Amino acid sequence: MPHGQDVEDENDPESASVYECLQCGTIVESETHPGECECGGSFQNRAKSLE
C-alpha cells in the first residue's frame, strides 16, 4: 500500500495483532507479544516479514 494510504487505525499500536508459532503453527491474536507457545516454540507477528 502506498505511503499515506493506510487504512485508518490499521497500525494502531493498541489494536490486537495476529501471531503464529514458528514451530507448530498455532495462531493467536493478542494486543501484546504472547511470549512462548505451549510447544516451546516462539511466536512471530504475522504482519512482519520473515526476511
C-alpha atoms as a PDB file:
ATOM      1  CA  MET A   1       0.000   0.000   0.000  1.00  0.00           C
ATOM      2  CA  PRO A   2       1.474   3.387  -0.933  1.00  0.00           C
ATOM      3  CA  HIS A   3       2.606   5.664   1.864  1.00  0.00           C
ATOM      4  CA  GLY A   4      -0.162   7.833   3.284  1.00  0.00           C
ATOM      5  CA  GLN A   5      -2.939   5.497   2.163  1.00  0.00           C
ATOM      6  CA  ASP A   6      -3.091   3.251   5.230  1.00  0.00           C
ATOM      7  CA  VAL A   7      -6.490   2.128   6.442  1.00  0.00           C
ATOM      8  CA  GLU A   8      -7.393   4.274   9.452  1.00  0.00           C
ATOM      9  CA  ASP A   9      -6.389   2.580  12.752  1.00  0.00           C
ATOM     10  CA  GLU A  10      -4.896  -0.376  10.837  1.00  0.00           C
ATOM     11  CA  ASN A  11      -1.487   0.093  12.510  1.00  0.00           C
ATOM     12  CA  ASP A  12      -2.811   1.311  15.846  1.00  0.00           C
ATOM     13  CA  PRO A  13      -0.319   0.113  18.493  1.00  0.00           C
ATOM     14  CA  GLU A  14      -3.240  -0.647  20.828  1.00  0.00           C
ATOM     15  CA  SER A  15      -5.008  -2.937  18.336  1.00  0.00           C
ATOM     16  CA  ALA A  16      -4.597  -6.705  18.501  1.00  0.00           C
ATOM     17  CA  SER A  17      -2.089  -8.438  16.228  1.00  0.00           C
ATOM     18  CA  VAL A  18      -2.060 -11.995  14.918  1.00  0.00           C
ATOM     19  CA  TYR A  19       0.911 -14.158  15.939  1.00  0.00           C
ATOM     20  CA  GLU A  20       1.935 -17.561  14.594  1.00  0.00           C
ATOM     21  CA  CYS A  21       4.141 -20.132  16.322  1.00  0.00           C
ATOM     22  CA  LEU A  22       7.133 -20.809  14.094  1.00  0.00           C
ATOM     23  CA  GLN A  23       7.377 -24.388  15.379  1.00  0.00           C
ATOM     24  CA  CYS A  24       3.830 -25.819  15.420  1.00  0.00           C
ATOM     25  CA  GLY A  25       1.818 -23.198  13.506  1.00  0.00           C
ATOM     26  CA  THR A  26      -0.569 -22.240  16.337  1.00  0.00           C
ATOM     27  CA  ILE A  27      -2.204 -18.871  15.638  1.00  0.00           C
ATOM     28  CA  VAL A  28      -3.222 -16.450  18.404  1.00  0.00           C
ATOM     29  CA  GLU A  29      -4.497 -12.872  18.474  1.00  0.00           C
ATOM     30  CA  SER A  30      -3.103 -10.628  21.181  1.00  0.00           C
ATOM     31  CA  GLU A  31      -2.546  -6.933  21.948  1.00  0.00           C
ATOM     32  CA  THR A  32       0.971  -7.751  23.244  1.00  0.00           C
ATOM     33  CA  HIS A  33       3.540 -10.372  22.250  1.00  0.00           C
ATOM     34  CA  PRO A  34       2.209 -13.710  23.582  1.00  0.00           C
ATOM     35  CA  GLY A  35       5.657 -14.929  24.684  1.00  0.00           C
ATOM     36  CA  GLU A  36       6.367 -18.631  24.181  1.00  0.00           C
ATOM     37  CA  CYS A  37       3.987 -21.193  22.699  1.00  0.00           C
ATOM     38  CA  GLU A  38       2.855 -24.252  24.685  1.00  0.00           C
ATOM     39  CA  CYS A  39       5.001 -26.388  22.348  1.00  0.00           C
ATOM     40  CA  GLY A  40       8.109 -24.398  23.317  1.00  0.00           C
ATOM     41  CA  GLY A  41       8.334 -22.517  20.014  1.00  0.00           C
ATOM     42  CA  SER A  42       8.415 -18.752  19.613  1.00  0.00           C
ATOM     43  CA  PHE A  43       5.673 -16.570  18.142  1.00  0.00           C
ATOM     44  CA  GLN A  44       6.185 -14.285  15.146  1.00  0.00           C
ATOM     45  CA  ASN A  45       3.872 -11.397  14.311  1.00  0.00           C
ATOM     46  CA  ARG A  46       2.271 -12.447  11.011  1.00  0.00           C
ATOM     47  CA  ALA A  47       2.339  -8.831   9.797  1.00  0.00           C
ATOM     48  CA  LYS A  48       6.165  -8.823   9.919  1.00  0.00           C
ATOM     49  CA  SER A  49       8.351 -10.200   7.164  1.00  0.00           C
ATOM     50  CA  LEU A  50      10.459 -13.279   7.976  1.00  0.00           C
ATOM     51  CA  GLU A  51      13.336 -11.877   5.904  1.00  0.00           C
END
